[in-house]
């Protein structure tokens, strides 16, 4: 049961550089980069330790990605992302990557002298 989640997560695997390999219930795969969020700081700053970042886990039958630390006053995780939000994040990153590859080279870039 996914309770309205369109893109449930089947599994995740931490990668170097604050990235996660996400395997969706559909079988599709995405690499999601959290580096910008972590460098920006705030609550994400606690995940600068890659060992803590690698503790990412699934909750609620693949509907939520969460990190057990930092925990809130009640012991529940304070950092979580719902599966559809994570899917949207993956799509934005994928689209940005495609656009950067399609952008024309600037002066002196990509041309032989």
N, C-alpha and C. Protein backbone atom coordinates (compact mmCIF):
# COMPACT_ATOMS: atom_id res chain seq x y z
N UNK A 1 0.84 -1.17 0.00
CA UNK A 1 0.00 0.00 0.00
C UNK A 1 0.89 1.24 0.00
N UNK A 2 0.62 2.20 -0.88
CA UNK A 2 1.45 3.39 -0.98
C UNK A 2 0.73 4.67 -0.54
N UNK A 3 -0.53 4.61 -0.19
CA UNK A 3 -1.28 5.75 0.34
C UNK A 3 -1.05 7.05 -0.43
N UNK A 4 -1.30 7.02 -1.73
CA UNK A 4 -1.20 8.23 -2.53
C UNK A 4 0.18 8.55 -3.06
N UNK A 5 1.20 7.81 -2.68
CA UNK A 5 2.54 8.03 -3.20
C UNK A 5 2.60 7.42 -4.61
N UNK A 6 2.97 8.24 -5.58
CA UNK A 6 3.01 7.78 -6.97
C UNK A 6 4.29 7.02 -7.31
N UNK A 7 5.38 7.32 -6.59
CA UNK A 7 6.68 6.74 -6.92
C UNK A 7 7.33 6.13 -5.67
N UNK A 8 6.80 5.03 -5.16
CA UNK A 8 7.40 4.42 -3.98
C UNK A 8 8.83 3.94 -4.27
N UNK A 9 9.62 3.90 -3.24
CA UNK A 9 11.02 3.51 -3.34
C UNK A 9 11.15 2.04 -2.96
N UNK A 10 11.85 1.27 -3.78
CA UNK A 10 12.11 -0.14 -3.46
C UNK A 10 13.35 -0.29 -2.61
N UNK A 11 14.42 0.46 -2.95
CA UNK A 11 15.66 0.39 -2.17
C UNK A 11 16.53 1.59 -2.45
N UNK A 12 17.50 1.80 -1.57
CA UNK A 12 18.47 2.88 -1.74
C UNK A 12 19.85 2.32 -1.42
N UNK A 13 20.85 2.98 -1.98
CA UNK A 13 22.23 2.63 -1.68
C UNK A 13 23.05 3.91 -1.67
N UNK A 14 23.73 4.18 -0.55
CA UNK A 14 24.56 5.38 -0.44
C UNK A 14 25.75 5.26 -1.38
N UNK A 15 26.07 6.38 -2.01
CA UNK A 15 27.22 6.50 -2.91
C UNK A 15 28.13 7.61 -2.35
N UNK A 16 29.35 7.66 -2.83
CA UNK A 16 30.28 8.71 -2.41
C UNK A 16 29.74 10.07 -2.86
N UNK A 17 30.16 11.11 -2.15
CA UNK A 17 29.79 12.47 -2.55
C UNK A 17 28.36 12.85 -2.24
N UNK A 18 27.79 12.29 -1.18
CA UNK A 18 26.42 12.63 -0.76
C UNK A 18 25.38 12.31 -1.83
N UNK A 19 25.56 11.19 -2.48
CA UNK A 19 24.60 10.76 -3.49
C UNK A 19 23.96 9.44 -3.06
N UNK A 20 22.75 9.23 -3.52
CA UNK A 20 22.04 7.98 -3.28
C UNK A 20 21.62 7.38 -4.60
N UNK A 21 21.84 6.08 -4.73
CA UNK A 21 21.25 5.32 -5.83
C UNK A 21 19.88 4.91 -5.32
N UNK A 22 18.85 5.33 -6.04
CA UNK A 22 17.48 5.03 -5.66
C UNK A 22 16.90 4.07 -6.70
N UNK A 23 16.38 2.97 -6.23
CA UNK A 23 15.66 2.05 -7.11
C UNK A 23 14.19 2.16 -6.73
N UNK A 24 13.42 2.59 -7.71
CA UNK A 24 11.99 2.82 -7.50
C UNK A 24 11.24 1.50 -7.62
N UNK A 25 10.07 1.43 -7.09
CA UNK A 25 9.26 0.22 -7.16
C UNK A 25 8.97 -0.18 -8.61
N UNK A 26 9.01 0.79 -9.52
CA UNK A 26 8.79 0.53 -10.95
C UNK A 26 9.97 -0.20 -11.59
N UNK A 27 11.11 -0.21 -10.88
CA UNK A 27 12.33 -0.80 -11.43
C UNK A 27 13.29 0.25 -12.00
N UNK A 28 12.81 1.47 -12.20
CA UNK A 28 13.68 2.56 -12.67
C UNK A 28 14.70 2.88 -11.59
N UNK A 29 15.83 3.46 -12.01
CA UNK A 29 16.90 3.84 -11.08
C UNK A 29 17.24 5.31 -11.28
N UNK A 30 17.63 5.95 -10.19
CA UNK A 30 18.06 7.35 -10.22
C UNK A 30 19.24 7.51 -9.27
N UNK A 31 20.12 8.44 -9.62
CA UNK A 31 21.13 8.90 -8.68
C UNK A 31 20.68 10.28 -8.22
N UNK A 32 20.54 10.46 -6.91
CA UNK A 32 20.10 11.74 -6.36
C UNK A 32 21.26 12.32 -5.55
N UNK A 33 21.63 13.54 -5.87
CA UNK A 33 22.75 14.23 -5.25
C UNK A 33 22.24 15.20 -4.18
N UNK A 34 22.66 14.97 -2.94
CA UNK A 34 22.27 15.84 -1.83
C UNK A 34 23.37 16.81 -1.46
N UNK A 35 24.45 16.85 -2.26
CA UNK A 35 25.61 17.68 -1.94
C UNK A 35 25.28 19.14 -1.74
N UNK A 36 24.48 19.74 -2.62
CA UNK A 36 24.14 21.15 -2.49
C UNK A 36 23.37 21.41 -1.20
N UNK A 37 22.43 20.54 -0.87
CA UNK A 37 21.65 20.71 0.37
C UNK A 37 22.58 20.66 1.59
N UNK A 38 23.48 19.71 1.60
CA UNK A 38 24.37 19.53 2.74
C UNK A 38 25.34 20.70 2.85
N UNK A 39 25.88 21.18 1.74
CA UNK A 39 26.79 22.33 1.77
C UNK A 39 26.06 23.62 2.18
N UNK A 40 24.76 23.70 1.85
CA UNK A 40 23.97 24.87 2.21
C UNK A 40 23.81 24.98 3.73
N UNK A 41 23.84 23.84 4.41
CA UNK A 41 23.81 23.85 5.87
C UNK A 41 22.42 23.65 6.45
N UNK A 42 22.15 24.37 7.52
CA UNK A 42 20.90 24.19 8.24
C UNK A 42 20.84 22.78 8.82
N UNK A 43 19.69 22.20 8.83
CA UNK A 43 19.51 20.85 9.38
C UNK A 43 20.37 19.83 8.62
N UNK A 44 20.59 20.08 7.32
CA UNK A 44 21.36 19.16 6.49
C UNK A 44 22.83 19.09 6.90
N UNK A 45 23.35 20.12 7.57
CA UNK A 45 24.76 20.16 7.94
C UNK A 45 25.17 18.96 8.78
N UNK A 46 24.24 18.39 9.52
CA UNK A 46 24.58 17.22 10.35
C UNK A 46 24.94 16.00 9.52
N UNK A 47 24.61 16.03 8.22
CA UNK A 47 24.93 14.89 7.35
C UNK A 47 26.24 15.08 6.58
N UNK A 48 27.03 16.10 6.95
CA UNK A 48 28.34 16.30 6.30
C UNK A 48 29.26 15.12 6.52
N UNK A 49 29.07 14.44 7.63
CA UNK A 49 29.82 13.21 7.89
C UNK A 49 29.21 12.14 6.98
N UNK A 50 30.01 11.67 6.00
CA UNK A 50 29.46 10.72 5.03
C UNK A 50 28.99 9.43 5.67
N UNK A 51 29.55 9.07 6.83
CA UNK A 51 29.07 7.87 7.52
C UNK A 51 27.63 8.09 8.00
N UNK A 52 27.33 9.29 8.49
CA UNK A 52 25.95 9.60 8.90
C UNK A 52 25.04 9.65 7.67
N UNK A 53 25.53 10.26 6.59
CA UNK A 53 24.72 10.32 5.37
C UNK A 53 24.37 8.92 4.89
N UNK A 54 25.33 8.01 4.98
CA UNK A 54 25.14 6.64 4.49
C UNK A 54 24.11 5.86 5.31
N UNK A 55 23.68 6.39 6.44
CA UNK A 55 22.67 5.72 7.27
C UNK A 55 21.24 5.98 6.78
N UNK A 56 21.11 6.59 5.62
CA UNK A 56 19.78 6.81 5.05
C UNK A 56 19.04 5.48 5.00
N UNK A 57 17.74 5.56 5.23
CA UNK A 57 16.93 4.33 5.24
C UNK A 57 15.52 4.65 4.76
N UNK A 58 14.82 3.60 4.41
CA UNK A 58 13.43 3.74 3.98
C UNK A 58 12.50 3.54 5.17
N UNK A 59 11.39 4.24 5.12
CA UNK A 59 10.37 4.09 6.15
C UNK A 59 9.00 4.04 5.47
N UNK A 60 8.03 3.58 6.22
CA UNK A 60 6.64 3.55 5.75
C UNK A 60 6.51 2.85 4.39
N UNK A 61 7.13 1.69 4.28
CA UNK A 61 7.00 0.84 3.09
C UNK A 61 7.42 1.56 1.81
N UNK A 62 8.55 2.29 1.89
CA UNK A 62 9.08 2.97 0.71
C UNK A 62 8.45 4.30 0.39
N UNK A 63 7.63 4.80 1.28
CA UNK A 63 6.99 6.10 1.04
C UNK A 63 7.86 7.27 1.50
N UNK A 64 8.87 6.97 2.35
CA UNK A 64 9.69 8.03 2.94
C UNK A 64 11.15 7.57 3.00
N UNK A 65 12.06 8.52 2.69
CA UNK A 65 13.49 8.35 2.91
C UNK A 65 13.82 9.17 4.14
N UNK A 66 14.57 8.57 5.08
CA UNK A 66 14.88 9.32 6.30
C UNK A 66 16.28 8.98 6.79
N UNK A 67 16.79 9.86 7.64
CA UNK A 67 18.06 9.63 8.32
C UNK A 67 17.76 9.57 9.82
N UNK A 68 18.29 8.55 10.51
CA UNK A 68 17.98 8.39 11.93
C UNK A 68 18.58 9.49 12.81
N UNK A 69 19.63 10.14 12.33
CA UNK A 69 20.24 11.26 13.07
C UNK A 69 20.24 12.47 12.16
N UNK A 70 19.93 13.62 12.65
CA UNK A 70 19.60 13.91 14.03
C UNK A 70 18.16 13.53 14.34
N UNK A 71 17.95 13.16 15.56
CA UNK A 71 16.61 12.81 16.02
C UNK A 71 15.98 14.00 16.73
N UNK A 72 14.67 14.08 16.61
CA UNK A 72 13.93 15.12 17.31
C UNK A 72 13.78 14.77 18.77
N UNK A 73 13.14 15.64 19.53
CA UNK A 73 12.95 15.40 20.97
C UNK A 73 12.23 14.09 21.29
N UNK A 74 11.38 13.66 20.36
CA UNK A 74 10.64 12.42 20.59
C UNK A 74 11.38 11.20 20.05
N UNK A 75 12.60 11.41 19.53
CA UNK A 75 13.39 10.31 19.00
C UNK A 75 13.16 10.01 17.53
N UNK A 76 12.20 10.70 16.91
CA UNK A 76 11.93 10.45 15.49
C UNK A 76 12.92 11.24 14.62
N UNK A 77 13.21 10.75 13.42
CA UNK A 77 14.15 11.45 12.54
C UNK A 77 13.67 12.86 12.20
N UNK A 78 14.61 13.80 12.15
CA UNK A 78 14.26 15.18 11.81
C UNK A 78 14.47 15.47 10.33
N UNK A 79 15.19 14.59 9.62
CA UNK A 79 15.40 14.80 8.19
C UNK A 79 14.73 13.66 7.44
N UNK A 80 13.76 14.01 6.63
CA UNK A 80 13.11 13.00 5.78
C UNK A 80 12.60 13.66 4.51
N UNK A 81 12.41 12.83 3.49
CA UNK A 81 11.92 13.29 2.20
C UNK A 81 10.90 12.26 1.73
N UNK A 82 9.71 12.72 1.35
CA UNK A 82 8.73 11.74 0.87
C UNK A 82 9.16 11.25 -0.51
N UNK A 83 8.73 10.07 -0.88
CA UNK A 83 9.17 9.42 -2.11
C UNK A 83 8.88 10.26 -3.35
N UNK A 84 7.73 10.89 -3.42
CA UNK A 84 7.41 11.70 -4.60
C UNK A 84 8.29 12.94 -4.66
N UNK A 85 8.60 13.54 -3.52
CA UNK A 85 9.52 14.68 -3.49
C UNK A 85 10.91 14.26 -3.96
N UNK A 86 11.35 13.07 -3.54
CA UNK A 86 12.64 12.54 -3.97
C UNK A 86 12.63 12.28 -5.47
N UNK A 87 11.53 11.75 -5.98
CA UNK A 87 11.41 11.48 -7.41
C UNK A 87 11.48 12.79 -8.20
N UNK A 88 10.83 13.82 -7.70
CA UNK A 88 10.88 15.14 -8.35
C UNK A 88 12.30 15.70 -8.33
N UNK A 89 12.98 15.54 -7.20
CA UNK A 89 14.36 16.00 -7.07
C UNK A 89 15.25 15.29 -8.10
N UNK A 90 15.08 13.98 -8.24
CA UNK A 90 15.85 13.20 -9.21
C UNK A 90 15.57 13.69 -10.63
N UNK A 91 14.31 13.97 -10.95
CA UNK A 91 13.96 14.43 -12.29
C UNK A 91 14.57 15.80 -12.57
N UNK A 92 14.53 16.71 -11.60
CA UNK A 92 15.13 18.04 -11.79
C UNK A 92 16.63 17.92 -12.04
N UNK A 93 17.30 17.08 -11.25
CA UNK A 93 18.75 16.91 -11.43
C UNK A 93 19.06 16.28 -12.78
N UNK A 94 18.27 15.30 -13.19
CA UNK A 94 18.48 14.65 -14.49
C UNK A 94 18.29 15.67 -15.62
N UNK A 95 17.23 16.48 -15.53
CA UNK A 95 16.97 17.49 -16.56
C UNK A 95 18.09 18.53 -16.60
N UNK A 96 18.57 18.97 -15.44
CA UNK A 96 19.65 19.96 -15.39
C UNK A 96 20.92 19.38 -16.00
N UNK A 97 21.17 18.11 -15.76
CA UNK A 97 22.36 17.46 -16.32
C UNK A 97 22.25 17.39 -17.84
N UNK A 98 21.08 17.04 -18.34
CA UNK A 98 20.88 16.98 -19.79
C UNK A 98 21.06 18.34 -20.43
N UNK A 99 20.52 19.38 -19.80
CA UNK A 99 20.64 20.73 -20.35
C UNK A 99 22.09 21.18 -20.38
N UNK A 100 22.85 20.85 -19.34
CA UNK A 100 24.25 21.28 -19.31
C UNK A 100 25.05 20.58 -20.40
N UNK A 101 24.68 19.35 -20.74
CA UNK A 101 25.38 18.64 -21.82
C UNK A 101 25.00 19.20 -23.19
N UNK A 102 23.80 19.77 -23.32
CA UNK A 102 23.34 20.30 -24.59
C UNK A 102 23.74 21.75 -24.82
N UNK A 103 24.15 22.43 -23.76
CA UNK A 103 24.50 23.85 -23.88
C UNK A 103 25.70 24.01 -24.81
N UNK A 104 25.64 25.01 -25.69
CA UNK A 104 26.77 25.23 -26.61
C UNK A 104 28.01 25.62 -25.83
N UNK A 105 29.16 25.20 -26.33
CA UNK A 105 30.43 25.53 -25.70
C UNK A 105 30.68 27.02 -25.85
N UNK A 106 31.19 27.63 -24.81
CA UNK A 106 31.53 29.05 -24.84
C UNK A 106 32.81 29.27 -25.62
N UNK A 107 33.21 30.52 -25.79
CA UNK A 107 34.44 30.81 -26.52
C UNK A 107 35.63 30.09 -25.89
N UNK A 108 36.37 29.41 -26.70
CA UNK A 108 37.56 28.71 -26.21
C UNK A 108 37.27 27.37 -25.58
N UNK A 109 36.00 26.99 -25.49
CA UNK A 109 35.64 25.70 -24.88
C UNK A 109 35.29 24.71 -25.97
N UNK A 110 35.88 23.55 -25.89
CA UNK A 110 35.51 22.48 -26.79
C UNK A 110 35.97 22.65 -28.22
N UNK A 111 36.84 23.60 -28.49
CA UNK A 111 37.34 23.81 -29.83
C UNK A 111 38.83 23.57 -29.85
N UNK A 112 39.31 22.93 -30.89
CA UNK A 112 40.74 22.74 -31.04
C UNK A 112 41.37 24.03 -31.51
N UNK A 113 42.55 24.34 -31.00
CA UNK A 113 43.23 25.60 -31.37
C UNK A 113 44.03 25.45 -32.63
